[in-house]
Amino acid sequence: MKFKKLFLLLGLLVVAAMVLSACGGGNTATTEEPMEEPTEEPMEEPTEEPMEEPTEEVVEEPAPMLGDADYPIKVLFVPSVEAQTIVDGGAVMAAALNAATGYTFEVSVPTSYAATIEEMCASPDDTIGFIPALGYVLANQLCGVQPGLAAERFGWNVYWTGFYVARDSEYQTLADLAGATWAYPDAGSTSGYLYPASIFADMGIEMGETVEAGNHNNAALAVYNGQADVGTAFFSPPLLPEGTWAMGDSPDVPDDVVESCAVNDEGRLFCGDYRVLDVRASVTTDAPDIVQKVRILDISKEIPNDTMSFSPDFPEEMKQAILDAVTAFITLDNPDCLESICAEEFYNWTAVGPIADENFDGVRILVAQQGITLEGLGE
């Protein structure tokens, strides 16, 4: 019995040993491979794209409109009288037109009639020109300048060339002027140059030396000062004590009132009860006795009065407001006009009226006959 228990115990030990051996017991050692530390991949530094600087949005200023203070309407006057007189009076007129229309006007006096025409055509969409008939015809031919209004002077919508000579000269007719020294205002003047040149050519009169005086006043003063035998300048008929002057009447005041000629307190030139309105009335500051020294030899046929004209592309929608304002301004009842274009020393306009292109056809005929071009003025 004891042997059975011993045998059983030994069997259990053997089994246990085998189990231990199978489980890795005994003298065999197991080596574990070292675990590799996980390598972290280097992180790339984030690259920041350069931020664009915020750009300020450029807001374009709207272009100025014609008539704004930054874009005034150009107003050009031919230098038919003293330029400073026109500049000063023109500023008065520009202020009045601004008040009436809201438009801004900029007045200037170019150096010659030709320069006035050239400037109108060089500024085709923003210019008004106060130009005579010859200037209008040339400007219309050159670039399509259009008429707006024509001047009136004491009810006359026409005027004339006056041929002025020294009162004590021997000239009695135009034919007597052959070989005489001739002073004219400007080769672009209708009354001062185109009409007398045409008359001299038609009559076969060859003049002697010619003097371009610069304006109508200077042409008359050239005779007064003995620098020319004859001067041609504008003529407007006198206001008579009774009735109205008519073609065929003497252009000058009667001889028996000449010595009484003088400027009154209002600056008007009277000879007795006759009021003088021709070029001599414009120069009394320099020559108060000009009627006593200078007479009218003759006058031409009628000439269309000078114009207010528009450059070819002047905005149609603006024209009527300007025409209405000018018409309202030019009246002898307006004291501002009497300091401006209504003044005798300025253009002596007393009113305005409508004018059409066909009214200048007679002037066109003379221009063609004389072969006058803008480039050849005065040649």
Protein backbone atom coordinates (compact mmCIF):
# COMPACT_ATOMS: atom_id res chain seq x y z
CA MET A 1 0.00 0.00 0.00
CA LYS A 2 2.84 2.23 0.85
CA PHE A 3 4.53 1.35 -2.45
CA LYS A 4 1.44 2.42 -4.37
CA LYS A 5 1.39 5.85 -2.76
CA LEU A 6 5.10 6.30 -3.38
CA PHE A 7 4.78 5.33 -6.97
CA LEU A 8 1.90 7.71 -7.43
CA LEU A 9 3.85 10.55 -5.89
CA LEU A 10 6.83 9.94 -8.19
CA GLY A 11 4.55 9.93 -11.22
CA LEU A 12 3.14 13.24 -10.20
CA LEU A 13 6.63 14.72 -9.81
CA VAL A 14 7.65 13.46 -13.26
CA VAL A 15 4.57 14.99 -14.81
CA ALA A 16 5.18 18.24 -13.00
CA ALA A 17 8.76 18.33 -14.23
CA MET A 18 7.72 17.74 -17.77
CA VAL A 19 5.16 20.47 -17.49
CA LEU A 20 7.75 22.90 -16.18
CA SER A 21 10.16 21.97 -18.92
CA ALA A 22 7.53 22.52 -21.58
CA CYS A 23 6.72 25.92 -20.14
CA GLY A 24 10.30 27.11 -20.63
CA GLY A 25 11.61 26.32 -17.26
CA GLY A 26 15.07 24.76 -16.63
CA ASN A 27 18.44 26.31 -17.60
CA THR A 28 17.45 27.69 -21.11
CA ALA A 29 17.24 31.50 -20.94
CA THR A 30 15.12 33.52 -23.34
CA THR A 31 16.44 36.89 -24.58
CA GLU A 32 14.05 39.58 -25.62
CA GLU A 33 15.12 41.81 -28.55
CA PRO A 34 15.23 45.41 -27.41
CA MET A 35 12.28 47.40 -28.64
CA GLU A 36 13.24 50.19 -30.98
CA GLU A 37 12.20 53.57 -29.78
CA PRO A 38 9.69 54.96 -32.27
CA THR A 39 11.42 57.63 -34.32
CA GLU A 40 9.40 60.71 -34.80
CA GLU A 41 9.65 62.16 -38.28
CA PRO A 42 10.80 65.75 -38.02
CA MET A 43 7.86 68.02 -38.44
CA GLU A 44 8.27 70.57 -41.17
CA GLU A 45 7.87 74.11 -39.99
CA PRO A 46 4.73 75.44 -41.58
CA THR A 47 5.63 77.97 -44.25
CA GLU A 48 3.45 81.01 -44.15
CA GLU A 49 2.61 82.50 -47.51
CA PRO A 50 3.29 86.22 -47.47
CA MET A 51 0.08 88.07 -46.89
CA GLU A 52 -0.69 90.66 -49.52
CA GLU A 53 -0.95 94.13 -48.14
CA PRO A 54 -4.52 95.28 -48.43
CA THR A 55 -4.74 97.71 -51.35
CA GLU A 56 -6.87 100.74 -50.95
CA GLU A 57 -9.57 100.89 -53.56
CA VAL A 58 -8.93 103.88 -55.83
CA VAL A 59 -12.10 105.83 -56.37
CA GLU A 60 -11.86 107.84 -59.55
CA GLU A 61 -13.18 111.36 -59.34
CA PRO A 62 -15.91 111.97 -61.88
CA ALA A 63 -14.76 114.10 -64.79
CA PRO A 64 -15.90 117.71 -64.47
CA MET A 65 -18.89 118.71 -66.55
CA LEU A 66 -18.75 121.63 -68.96
CA GLY A 67 -19.82 124.74 -67.10
CA ASP A 68 -18.43 123.55 -63.74
CA ALA A 69 -15.89 125.71 -61.95
CA ASP A 70 -13.21 123.18 -62.95
CA TYR A 71 -14.32 123.19 -66.59
CA PRO A 72 -15.57 126.67 -67.50
CA ILE A 73 -17.09 127.63 -70.82
CA LYS A 74 -14.54 129.61 -72.81
CA VAL A 75 -15.72 133.02 -74.01
CA LEU A 76 -13.52 134.68 -76.63
CA PHE A 77 -13.74 138.29 -77.77
CA VAL A 78 -11.88 139.60 -80.82
CA PRO A 79 -9.51 142.46 -79.94
CA SER A 80 -11.46 145.12 -81.85
CA VAL A 81 -11.02 147.63 -79.01
CA GLU A 82 -8.63 147.84 -76.05
CA ALA A 83 -8.09 144.35 -74.64
CA GLN A 84 -8.22 145.43 -70.98
CA THR A 85 -11.59 147.10 -71.53
CA ILE A 86 -12.91 143.80 -72.88
CA VAL A 87 -11.39 141.75 -70.05
CA ASP A 88 -12.85 144.00 -67.36
CA GLY A 89 -16.27 144.27 -68.96
CA GLY A 90 -16.26 140.60 -69.91
CA ALA A 91 -15.82 139.64 -66.24
CA VAL A 92 -18.97 141.61 -65.39
CA MET A 93 -20.85 139.82 -68.14
CA ALA A 94 -19.51 136.39 -67.12
CA ALA A 95 -20.67 136.89 -63.52
CA ALA A 96 -24.17 137.85 -64.67
CA LEU A 97 -24.42 134.84 -66.99
CA ASN A 98 -23.23 132.57 -64.18
CA ALA A 99 -25.99 133.89 -61.93
CA ALA A 100 -28.58 133.32 -64.68
CA THR A 101 -27.49 129.83 -65.83
CA GLY A 102 -25.37 128.31 -63.07
CA TYR A 103 -22.58 127.81 -65.61
CA THR A 104 -19.06 129.16 -65.12
CA PHE A 105 -17.54 131.26 -67.91
CA GLU A 106 -13.90 132.20 -68.55
CA VAL A 107 -13.29 135.32 -70.66
CA SER A 108 -10.19 135.90 -72.76
CA VAL A 109 -9.07 138.12 -75.64
CA PRO A 110 -6.78 136.38 -78.16
CA THR A 111 -4.05 138.39 -79.80
CA SER A 112 -5.77 138.73 -83.18
CA TYR A 113 -8.95 137.94 -85.09
CA ALA A 114 -7.23 134.93 -86.68
CA ALA A 115 -6.11 133.64 -83.28
CA THR A 116 -9.71 133.85 -82.06
CA ILE A 117 -10.92 131.71 -84.95
CA GLU A 118 -8.11 129.20 -84.47
CA GLU A 119 -8.87 128.86 -80.77
CA MET A 120 -12.58 128.29 -81.40
CA CYS A 121 -11.74 125.45 -83.78
CA ALA A 122 -9.09 124.03 -81.44
CA SER A 123 -11.71 123.83 -78.64
CA PRO A 124 -14.69 122.53 -80.61
CA ASP A 125 -16.96 121.50 -77.74
CA ASP A 126 -16.68 124.26 -75.12
CA THR A 127 -16.23 127.70 -76.70
CA ILE A 128 -18.32 130.78 -77.46
CA GLY A 129 -16.88 133.49 -79.69
CA PHE A 130 -17.95 137.09 -80.18
CA ILE A 131 -16.74 137.43 -83.75
CA PRO A 132 -17.57 139.66 -86.74
CA ALA A 133 -19.03 138.51 -90.04
CA LEU A 134 -15.69 137.79 -91.74
CA GLY A 135 -14.47 135.88 -88.69
CA TYR A 136 -17.68 133.87 -88.65
CA VAL A 137 -17.43 132.97 -92.35
CA LEU A 138 -13.81 131.82 -91.99
CA ALA A 139 -14.57 129.88 -88.79
CA ASN A 140 -17.60 128.25 -90.37
CA GLN A 141 -15.52 127.18 -93.36
CA LEU A 142 -12.66 125.95 -91.20
CA CYS A 143 -14.52 123.85 -88.64
CA GLY A 144 -18.27 124.43 -88.78
CA VAL A 145 -18.71 127.16 -86.16
CA GLN A 146 -22.42 127.99 -85.82
CA PRO A 147 -24.13 131.39 -85.29
CA GLY A 148 -26.15 132.01 -82.15
CA LEU A 149 -27.09 135.70 -82.01
CA ALA A 150 -26.28 138.92 -83.84
CA ALA A 151 -25.74 142.33 -82.33
CA GLU A 152 -28.12 145.25 -82.60
CA ARG A 153 -27.04 148.83 -82.07
CA PHE A 154 -29.85 151.31 -81.43
CA GLY A 155 -32.23 149.26 -83.58
CA TRP A 156 -29.75 148.53 -86.40
CA ASN A 157 -28.86 144.91 -87.12
CA VAL A 158 -26.26 146.05 -89.66
CA TYR A 159 -23.31 148.42 -89.58
CA TRP A 160 -20.88 149.97 -92.05
CA THR A 161 -17.23 150.71 -92.80
CA GLY A 162 -16.33 154.31 -92.11
CA PHE A 163 -13.50 155.90 -94.10
CA TYR A 164 -11.96 158.43 -91.70
CA VAL A 165 -9.62 161.21 -92.86
CA ALA A 166 -8.20 164.40 -91.36
CA ARG A 167 -10.80 167.15 -91.38
CA ASP A 168 -8.40 169.56 -93.06
CA SER A 169 -7.28 167.05 -95.73
CA GLU A 170 -8.07 167.55 -99.41
CA TYR A 171 -9.70 164.13 -99.85
CA GLN A 172 -13.25 164.51 -101.14
CA THR A 173 -14.00 161.09 -102.64
CA LEU A 174 -12.73 157.57 -102.24
CA ALA A 175 -11.00 157.84 -105.62
CA ASP A 176 -8.82 160.56 -104.13
CA LEU A 177 -7.27 157.99 -101.77
CA ALA A 178 -5.07 156.40 -104.45
CA GLY A 179 -1.57 156.13 -103.05
CA ALA A 180 -2.65 157.16 -99.54
CA THR A 181 -1.35 155.52 -96.37
CA TRP A 182 -4.09 153.23 -95.08
CA ALA A 183 -4.50 152.21 -91.43
CA TYR A 184 -6.83 149.28 -90.76
CA PRO A 185 -7.55 147.45 -87.48
CA ASP A 186 -6.80 143.81 -88.32
CA ALA A 187 -6.88 141.76 -91.49
CA GLY A 188 -9.66 139.69 -89.94
CA SER A 189 -11.93 142.70 -89.45
CA THR A 190 -15.02 142.80 -91.67
CA SER A 191 -15.59 146.56 -91.60
CA GLY A 192 -11.98 147.48 -91.02
CA TYR A 193 -10.41 145.38 -93.77
CA LEU A 194 -12.61 143.09 -95.91
CA TYR A 195 -15.13 145.67 -97.10
CA PRO A 196 -12.69 148.53 -97.75
CA ALA A 197 -10.24 146.18 -99.49
CA SER A 198 -13.07 144.98 -101.71
CA ILE A 199 -14.14 148.55 -102.49
CA PHE A 200 -10.60 149.63 -103.33
CA ALA A 201 -10.21 146.60 -105.62
CA ASP A 202 -13.55 147.22 -107.37
CA MET A 203 -12.65 150.88 -107.94
CA GLY A 204 -9.12 150.08 -109.07
CA ILE A 205 -7.64 152.15 -106.25
CA GLU A 206 -4.11 151.18 -105.36
CA MET A 207 -3.30 152.22 -101.83
CA GLY A 208 0.14 153.27 -100.70
CA GLU A 209 1.64 152.08 -97.44
CA THR A 210 -0.61 150.01 -95.18
CA VAL A 211 -0.56 150.00 -91.39
CA GLU A 212 -2.18 147.21 -89.32
CA ALA A 213 -3.14 149.28 -86.28
CA GLY A 214 -4.30 146.42 -84.04
CA ASN A 215 -7.87 147.54 -83.37
CA HIS A 216 -10.53 150.00 -84.56
CA ASN A 217 -9.61 152.67 -82.03
CA ASN A 218 -5.99 152.68 -83.15
CA ALA A 219 -6.98 152.93 -86.81
CA ALA A 220 -8.90 156.14 -86.05
CA LEU A 221 -6.11 157.45 -83.81
CA ALA A 222 -3.57 156.82 -86.59
CA VAL A 223 -5.39 159.47 -88.64
CA TYR A 224 -5.76 161.78 -85.62
CA ASN A 225 -2.02 161.53 -84.93
CA GLY A 226 -1.01 162.00 -88.57
CA GLN A 227 0.33 158.46 -88.95
CA ALA A 228 -2.07 157.56 -91.76
CA ASP A 229 -4.02 159.41 -94.43
CA VAL A 230 -7.11 157.25 -94.08
CA GLY A 231 -8.29 154.87 -91.41
CA THR A 232 -11.05 152.32 -91.83
CA ALA A 233 -13.13 151.30 -88.83
CA PHE A 234 -16.71 150.61 -87.84
CA PHE A 235 -19.43 153.18 -88.45
CA SER A 236 -22.72 153.39 -86.61
CA PRO A 237 -25.07 156.26 -87.54
CA PRO A 238 -25.53 159.20 -85.19
CA LEU A 239 -28.65 159.72 -83.14
CA LEU A 240 -30.38 162.77 -84.54
CA PRO A 241 -32.20 165.51 -82.61
CA GLU A 242 -35.32 164.56 -84.56
CA GLY A 243 -36.15 161.51 -86.63
CA THR A 244 -33.87 158.62 -87.53
CA TRP A 245 -30.78 158.52 -89.71
CA ALA A 246 -31.30 156.75 -93.05
CA MET A 247 -29.05 155.51 -95.84
CA GLY A 248 -28.27 158.44 -98.10
CA ASP A 249 -28.03 160.88 -95.19
CA SER A 250 -24.64 162.37 -94.39
CA PRO A 251 -22.73 159.97 -92.14
CA ASP A 252 -21.11 162.84 -90.26
CA VAL A 253 -22.60 165.54 -88.07
CA PRO A 254 -23.32 168.92 -89.69
CA ASP A 255 -20.37 171.24 -90.04
CA ASP A 256 -22.04 173.91 -87.95
CA VAL A 257 -22.01 171.74 -84.79
CA VAL A 258 -18.48 170.35 -85.11
CA GLU A 259 -16.88 172.90 -82.82
CA SER A 260 -19.40 172.10 -80.08
CA CYS A 261 -18.49 168.42 -79.98
CA ALA A 262 -17.61 167.30 -76.44
CA VAL A 263 -18.12 164.49 -73.96
CA ASN A 264 -20.92 165.11 -71.47
CA ASP A 265 -20.99 164.17 -67.78
CA GLU A 266 -22.19 160.66 -68.64
CA GLY A 267 -19.29 160.07 -71.02
CA ARG A 268 -21.38 160.43 -74.19
CA LEU A 269 -20.04 162.30 -77.21
CA PHE A 270 -22.46 164.99 -78.40
CA CYS A 271 -22.13 167.59 -81.12
CA GLY A 272 -24.95 169.98 -80.36
CA ASP A 273 -27.95 167.66 -80.13
CA TYR A 274 -26.36 164.98 -82.31
CA ARG A 275 -24.98 161.97 -80.47
CA VAL A 276 -21.92 160.42 -82.18
CA LEU A 277 -21.82 156.60 -82.15
CA ASP A 278 -19.08 155.78 -84.65
CA VAL A 279 -15.50 154.79 -83.72
CA ARG A 280 -14.65 158.37 -82.74
CA ALA A 281 -16.88 158.04 -79.66
CA SER A 282 -14.62 155.23 -78.42
CA VAL A 283 -11.40 157.25 -78.31
CA THR A 284 -12.38 160.47 -76.56
CA THR A 285 -10.18 159.63 -73.55
CA ASP A 286 -7.10 159.85 -75.79
CA ALA A 287 -8.50 162.33 -78.28
CA PRO A 288 -11.32 164.47 -76.81
CA ASP A 289 -11.31 166.72 -79.90
CA ILE A 290 -11.29 163.91 -82.45
CA VAL A 291 -14.46 165.08 -84.25
CA GLN A 292 -12.84 168.46 -84.73
CA LYS A 293 -9.75 166.75 -86.21
CA VAL A 294 -11.16 163.70 -88.04
CA ARG A 295 -14.15 163.52 -90.41
CA ILE A 296 -15.98 160.75 -92.25
CA LEU A 297 -15.19 160.73 -95.95
CA ASP A 298 -17.65 157.97 -96.91
CA ILE A 299 -19.18 154.71 -95.75
CA SER A 300 -19.63 151.24 -97.28
CA LYS A 301 -22.80 149.32 -97.96
CA GLU A 302 -24.43 147.49 -95.07
CA ILE A 303 -22.56 144.71 -93.25
CA PRO A 304 -24.21 142.02 -91.10
CA ASN A 305 -23.59 142.83 -87.45
CA ASP A 306 -21.07 140.88 -85.42
CA THR A 307 -22.12 137.63 -83.85
CA MET A 308 -22.10 135.49 -80.77
CA SER A 309 -21.23 132.08 -82.22
CA PHE A 310 -20.72 128.56 -80.86
CA SER A 311 -17.88 126.15 -81.54
CA PRO A 312 -19.03 123.26 -83.75
CA ASP A 313 -19.61 120.59 -81.07
CA PHE A 314 -20.93 122.83 -78.31
CA PRO A 315 -23.64 120.87 -76.41
CA GLU A 316 -27.06 121.63 -77.88
CA GLU A 317 -28.77 121.14 -74.52
CA MET A 318 -26.79 124.07 -73.05
CA LYS A 319 -27.20 126.56 -75.88
CA GLN A 320 -30.73 127.78 -75.23
CA ALA A 321 -30.14 128.63 -71.58
CA ILE A 322 -27.08 130.68 -72.61
CA LEU A 323 -28.90 132.38 -75.49
CA ASP A 324 -31.75 133.34 -73.16
CA ALA A 325 -29.34 134.68 -70.54
CA VAL A 326 -27.37 136.75 -73.08
CA THR A 327 -30.58 138.15 -74.57
CA ALA A 328 -31.80 139.20 -71.13
CA PHE A 329 -28.43 140.70 -70.19
CA ILE A 330 -27.86 142.84 -73.30
CA THR A 331 -30.17 145.79 -72.85
CA LEU A 332 -29.56 149.45 -72.10
CA ASP A 333 -31.80 149.07 -69.06
CA ASN A 334 -29.19 146.82 -67.45
CA PRO A 335 -26.46 148.76 -65.59
CA ASP A 336 -24.18 145.71 -65.71
CA CYS A 337 -24.39 145.66 -69.50
CA LEU A 338 -23.50 149.36 -69.59
CA GLU A 339 -20.27 148.38 -67.83
CA SER A 340 -19.72 145.57 -70.29
CA ILE A 341 -20.62 144.84 -73.89
CA CYS A 342 -23.17 147.68 -74.06
CA ALA A 343 -20.51 150.30 -73.30
CA GLU A 344 -19.40 152.51 -76.19
CA GLU A 345 -15.76 151.77 -75.40
CA PHE A 346 -16.55 148.05 -75.55
CA TYR A 347 -18.76 146.75 -78.43
CA ASN A 348 -21.70 149.15 -77.98
CA TRP A 349 -24.31 146.39 -78.33
CA THR A 350 -27.74 147.55 -77.25
CA ALA A 351 -29.71 144.36 -77.98
CA VAL A 352 -29.38 141.05 -79.82
CA GLY A 353 -31.46 139.21 -82.38
CA PRO A 354 -31.52 135.91 -84.22
CA ILE A 355 -29.13 135.25 -87.08
CA ALA A 356 -28.84 132.43 -89.61
CA ASP A 357 -25.93 131.13 -91.62
CA GLU A 358 -27.43 132.31 -94.93
CA ASN A 359 -27.28 135.92 -93.69
CA PHE A 360 -23.54 135.77 -94.37
CA ASP A 361 -23.70 134.70 -98.01
CA GLY A 362 -22.83 138.22 -99.19
CA VAL A 363 -19.73 138.18 -97.01
CA ARG A 364 -18.79 134.80 -98.45
CA ILE A 365 -18.90 136.28 -101.94
CA LEU A 366 -16.47 139.03 -100.95
CA VAL A 367 -14.18 136.51 -99.24
CA ALA A 368 -14.08 134.43 -102.42
CA GLN A 369 -13.50 137.47 -104.62
CA GLN A 370 -10.62 138.66 -102.46
CA GLY A 371 -9.19 135.16 -102.13
CA ILE A 372 -9.08 135.57 -98.36
CA THR A 373 -8.12 132.58 -96.24
CA LEU A 374 -7.35 132.31 -92.55
CA GLU A 375 -3.71 131.55 -93.29
CA GLY A 376 -3.39 134.43 -95.72
CA LEU A 377 -5.11 137.19 -93.73
CA GLY A 378 -3.50 140.51 -94.49
CA GLU A 379 -1.40 139.28 -97.40
